[in-house]
C-alpha atoms as a PDB file:
ATOM      1  CA  UNK A   1      99.245 141.364  61.521  1.00  0.00           C
ATOM      2  CA  UNK A   2      96.209 139.855  62.228  1.00  0.00           C
ATOM      3  CA  UNK A   3      95.394 137.174  65.146  1.00  0.00           C
ATOM      4  CA  UNK A   4      95.496 134.168  62.941  1.00  0.00           C
ATOM      5  CA  UNK A   5      98.862 134.690  61.980  1.00  0.00           C
ATOM      6  CA  UNK A   6      99.987 135.455  65.511  1.00  0.00           C
ATOM      7  CA  UNK A   7      98.901 132.226  66.995  1.00  0.00           C
ATOM      8  CA  UNK A   8     100.128 129.730  64.368  1.00  0.00           C
ATOM      9  CA  UNK A   9     103.081 127.479  65.179  1.00  0.00           C
ATOM     10  CA  UNK A  10     105.672 127.010  62.759  1.00  0.00           C
ATOM     11  CA  UNK A  11     106.394 123.653  61.363  1.00  0.00           C
ATOM     12  CA  UNK A  12     110.208 124.391  62.723  1.00  0.00           C
ATOM     13  CA  UNK A  13     108.685 124.777  66.088  1.00  0.00           C
ATOM     14  CA  UNK A  14     106.719 121.303  65.894  1.00  0.00           C
ATOM     15  CA  UNK A  15     110.237 119.810  64.695  1.00  0.00           C
ATOM     16  CA  UNK A  16     111.985 121.247  67.749  1.00  0.00           C
ATOM     17  CA  UNK A  17     109.141 119.988  70.244  1.00  0.00           C
ATOM     18  CA  UNK A  18     109.353 116.590  68.702  1.00  0.00           C
ATOM     19  CA  UNK A  19     113.261 116.277  68.661  1.00  0.00           C
ATOM     20  CA  UNK A  20     113.186 117.411  72.208  1.00  0.00           C
ATOM     21  CA  UNK A  21     110.774 114.524  73.095  1.00  0.00           C
ATOM     22  CA  UNK A  22     112.633 111.931  71.347  1.00  0.00           C
ATOM     23  CA  UNK A  23     116.000 113.400  73.014  1.00  0.00           C
ATOM     24  CA  UNK A  24     114.483 112.881  76.433  1.00  0.00           C
ATOM     25  CA  UNK A  25     113.425 109.192  75.719  1.00  0.00           C
ATOM     26  CA  UNK A  26     116.533 108.186  74.504  1.00  0.00           C
ATOM     27  CA  UNK A  27     118.555 109.911  77.380  1.00  0.00           C
ATOM     28  CA  UNK A  28     116.161 108.105  79.643  1.00  0.00           C
ATOM     29  CA  UNK A  29     117.012 104.607  77.967  1.00  0.00           C
ATOM     30  CA  UNK A  30     121.100 105.706  77.596  1.00  0.00           C
ATOM     31  CA  UNK A  31     120.897 106.252  81.505  1.00  0.00           C
ATOM     32  CA  UNK A  32     120.237 102.786  82.239  1.00  0.00           C
ATOM     33  CA  UNK A  33     123.236 100.717  83.034  1.00  0.00           C
ATOM     34  CA  UNK A  34     123.976  98.189  80.347  1.00  0.00           C
ATOM     35  CA  UNK A  35     122.875  94.816  80.895  1.00  0.00           C
ATOM     36  CA  UNK A  36     120.219  95.543  83.249  1.00  0.00           C
ATOM     37  CA  UNK A  37     117.030  94.001  81.523  1.00  0.00           C
ATOM     38  CA  UNK A  38     113.542  95.888  81.799  1.00  0.00           C
ATOM     39  CA  UNK A  39     111.677  92.700  80.703  1.00  0.00           C
ATOM     40  CA  UNK A  40     109.115  92.198  83.574  1.00  0.00           C
ATOM     41  CA  UNK A  41     107.658  89.164  81.994  1.00  0.00           C
ATOM     42  CA  UNK A  42     110.375  87.185  83.222  1.00  0.00           C
ATOM     43  CA  UNK A  43     108.855  86.925  86.825  1.00  0.00           C
ATOM     44  CA  UNK A  44     107.665  83.385  86.891  1.00  0.00           C
ATOM     45  CA  UNK A  45     109.640  81.840  84.331  1.00  0.00           C
ATOM     46  CA  UNK A  46     111.988  79.832  86.252  1.00  0.00           C
ATOM     47  CA  UNK A  47     114.382  82.480  87.612  1.00  0.00           C
ATOM     48  CA  UNK A  48     115.342  84.148  90.958  1.00  0.00           C
ATOM     49  CA  UNK A  49     114.464  87.727  89.979  1.00  0.00           C
ATOM     50  CA  UNK A  50     115.203  90.967  91.481  1.00  0.00           C
ATOM     51  CA  UNK A  51     113.280  94.074  90.403  1.00  0.00           C
ATOM     52  CA  UNK A  52     114.825  97.415  91.144  1.00  0.00           C
ATOM     53  CA  UNK A  53     112.228 100.087  90.813  1.00  0.00           C
ATOM     54  CA  UNK A  54     113.708 102.874  89.441  1.00  0.00           C
ATOM     55  CA  UNK A  55     113.519 106.571  88.997  1.00  0.00           C
ATOM     56  CA  UNK A  56     116.252 108.401  87.005  1.00  0.00           C
ATOM     57  CA  UNK A  57     115.356 111.636  88.946  1.00  0.00           C
ATOM     58  CA  UNK A  58     116.509 110.324  92.358  1.00  0.00           C
ATOM     59  CA  UNK A  59     119.972 110.269  93.574  1.00  0.00           C
ATOM     60  CA  UNK A  60     119.200 107.453  95.729  1.00  0.00           C
ATOM     61  CA  UNK A  61     117.494 105.386  92.931  1.00  0.00           C
ATOM     62  CA  UNK A  62     121.020 105.740  90.967  1.00  0.00           C
ATOM     63  CA  UNK A  63     123.213 104.815  93.869  1.00  0.00           C
ATOM     64  CA  UNK A  64     120.897 101.762  94.204  1.00  0.00           C
ATOM     65  CA  UNK A  65     121.435 100.934  90.978  1.00  0.00           C
ATOM     66  CA  UNK A  66     125.531 101.442  91.302  1.00  0.00           C
ATOM     67  CA  UNK A  67     125.258  98.971  94.126  1.00  0.00           C
ATOM     68  CA  UNK A  68     123.443  96.419  92.012  1.00  0.00           C
ATOM     69  CA  UNK A  69     125.973  96.742  89.172  1.00  0.00           C
ATOM     70  CA  UNK A  70     128.772  96.308  91.513  1.00  0.00           C
ATOM     71  CA  UNK A  71     127.649  92.798  92.804  1.00  0.00           C
ATOM     72  CA  UNK A  72     125.492  91.478  89.925  1.00  0.00           C
ATOM     73  CA  UNK A  73     128.379  89.602  88.240  1.00  0.00           C
ATOM     74  CA  UNK A  74     128.549  87.758  91.646  1.00  0.00           C
ATOM     75  CA  UNK A  75     125.203  86.415  91.177  1.00  0.00           C
ATOM     76  CA  UNK A  76     125.482  85.359  87.534  1.00  0.00           C
ATOM     77  CA  UNK A  77     123.549  82.015  87.192  1.00  0.00           C
ATOM     78  CA  UNK A  78     121.649  82.776  90.278  1.00  0.00           C
ATOM     79  CA  UNK A  79     119.895  86.066  90.360  1.00  0.00           C
ATOM     80  CA  UNK A  80     118.480  87.938  87.081  1.00  0.00           C
ATOM     81  CA  UNK A  81     118.614  91.616  87.727  1.00  0.00           C
ATOM     82  CA  UNK A  82     115.639  93.569  86.271  1.00  0.00           C
ATOM     83  CA  UNK A  83     114.796  97.283  86.082  1.00  0.00           C
ATOM     84  CA  UNK A  84     110.868  98.578  86.470  1.00  0.00           C
ATOM     85  CA  UNK A  85     111.771 101.963  85.175  1.00  0.00           C
ATOM     86  CA  UNK A  86     109.062 104.618  86.747  1.00  0.00           C
ATOM     87  CA  UNK A  87     109.439 106.852  83.505  1.00  0.00           C
ATOM     88  CA  UNK A  88     107.794 104.113  81.250  1.00  0.00           C
ATOM     89  CA  UNK A  89     104.248 102.877  81.506  1.00  0.00           C
ATOM     90  CA  UNK A  90     105.362  99.156  82.523  1.00  0.00           C
ATOM     91  CA  UNK A  91     107.392 100.500  85.393  1.00  0.00           C
ATOM     92  CA  UNK A  92     104.708 102.759  86.691  1.00  0.00           C
ATOM     93  CA  UNK A  93     102.283  99.656  86.570  1.00  0.00           C
ATOM     94  CA  UNK A  94     104.682  96.905  88.126  1.00  0.00           C
ATOM     95  CA  UNK A  95     104.945  99.858  90.885  1.00  0.00           C
ATOM     96  CA  UNK A  96     101.323 100.114  91.128  1.00  0.00           C
ATOM     97  CA  UNK A  97     100.663  96.604  91.316  1.00  0.00           C
ATOM     98  CA  UNK A  98     102.948  95.717  94.129  1.00  0.00           C
ATOM     99  CA  UNK A  99     102.511  98.978  96.040  1.00  0.00           C
ATOM    100  CA  UNK A 100     106.233 100.216  95.783  1.00  0.00           C
ATOM    101  CA  UNK A 101     107.895 103.326  95.144  1.00  0.00           C
ATOM    102  CA  UNK A 102     111.063 104.002  93.734  1.00  0.00           C
ATOM    103  CA  UNK A 103     114.668 102.895  95.382  1.00  0.00           C
ATOM    104  CA  UNK A 104     112.956  99.596  96.205  1.00  0.00           C
ATOM    105  CA  UNK A 105     114.095  96.062  95.409  1.00  0.00           C
ATOM    106  CA  UNK A 106     111.263  93.468  94.752  1.00  0.00           C
ATOM    107  CA  UNK A 107     112.389  89.625  95.388  1.00  0.00           C
ATOM    108  CA  UNK A 108     110.415  86.816  93.385  1.00  0.00           C
ATOM    109  CA  UNK A 109     111.160  83.066  93.378  1.00  0.00           C
ATOM    110  CA  UNK A 110     111.220  81.062  90.256  1.00  0.00           C
ATOM    111  CA  UNK A 111     107.612  80.183  90.407  1.00  0.00           C
ATOM    112  CA  UNK A 112     107.042  84.201  90.500  1.00  0.00           C
ATOM    113  CA  UNK A 113     105.957  84.266  94.163  1.00  0.00           C
ATOM    114  CA  UNK A 114     106.951  87.494  95.928  1.00  0.00           C
ATOM    115  CA  UNK A 115     109.536  86.629  98.531  1.00  0.00           C
ATOM    116  CA  UNK A 116     110.398  90.152  99.933  1.00  0.00           C
ATOM    117  CA  UNK A 117     110.897  93.886  99.538  1.00  0.00           C
ATOM    118  CA  UNK A 118     113.966  96.219 100.582  1.00  0.00           C
ATOM    119  CA  UNK A 119     113.466  99.839 100.375  1.00  0.00           C
ATOM    120  CA  UNK A 120     116.393 102.203 100.606  1.00  0.00           C
ATOM    121  CA  UNK A 121     120.014 101.692  99.647  1.00  0.00           C
ATOM    122  CA  UNK A 122     121.531  98.785 101.463  1.00  0.00           C
ATOM    123  CA  UNK A 123     125.536  98.712 101.428  1.00  0.00           C
ATOM    124  CA  UNK A 124     127.086  96.055  99.463  1.00  0.00           C
ATOM    125  CA  UNK A 125     127.316  93.599 102.512  1.00  0.00           C
ATOM    126  CA  UNK A 126     123.819  93.932 103.419  1.00  0.00           C
ATOM    127  CA  UNK A 127     122.779  93.533  99.924  1.00  0.00           C
ATOM    128  CA  UNK A 128     124.690  90.601  99.367  1.00  0.00           C
ATOM    129  CA  UNK A 129     123.383  88.833 102.805  1.00  0.00           C
ATOM    130  CA  UNK A 130     119.574  90.002 101.678  1.00  0.00           C
ATOM    131  CA  UNK A 131     120.428  88.221  98.402  1.00  0.00           C
ATOM    132  CA  UNK A 132     121.587  84.990  99.979  1.00  0.00           C
ATOM    133  CA  UNK A 133     118.857  84.900 102.646  1.00  0.00           C
ATOM    134  CA  UNK A 134     115.939  85.662 100.071  1.00  0.00           C
ATOM    135  CA  UNK A 135     116.868  83.082  97.610  1.00  0.00           C
ATOM    136  CA  UNK A 136     118.611  80.568 100.099  1.00  0.00           C
ATOM    137  CA  UNK A 137     121.976  80.463  98.328  1.00  0.00           C
ATOM    138  CA  UNK A 138     124.158  78.090 100.098  1.00  0.00           C
ATOM    139  CA  UNK A 139     126.359  76.605  97.284  1.00  0.00           C
ATOM    140  CA  UNK A 140     129.915  76.460  97.432  1.00  0.00           C
ATOM    141  CA  UNK A 141     129.723  79.455  94.799  1.00  0.00           C
ATOM    142  CA  UNK A 142     127.591  81.429  96.782  1.00  0.00           C
ATOM    143  CA  UNK A 143     128.946  85.317  96.693  1.00  0.00           C
ATOM    144  CA  UNK A 144     130.854  86.124  99.835  1.00  0.00           C
ATOM    145  CA  UNK A 145     130.909  89.013 101.967  1.00  0.00           C
ATOM    146  CA  UNK A 146     133.849  91.455 101.708  1.00  0.00           C
ATOM    147  CA  UNK A 147     135.060  92.708 105.011  1.00  0.00           C
ATOM    148  CA  UNK A 148     136.424  96.185 104.693  1.00  0.00           C
END
């Protein structure tokens, strides 16, 4: 066996590598809860927006995603929830532009003005209070706190 034969990669190895990379990308997309958009261009287009800066590898980020998932139907028509996924370039660019890290919520007014930032995982009632205050939600349909 000569040196040139030993260093060549077989087409099978390349196929496995490509399949593995595609599988990781598919898994990342699959792990996002359904119904959360990652369209950051919605910011400044006439809607209240909350952007969750999300990293699939962090347990706290998954917990924050679960909390948002639990309350998002209460805010339908009032607030749009968007994910800035740190596993993709757009999410990384958003985080860098706003100087934030994973497990962070960034609040935007309909005109795109940044209203505030919350880092960490607030409990559901704190999350509701924060959303209501950030977006000045004082309608009769305003989501209410749940007292344990």
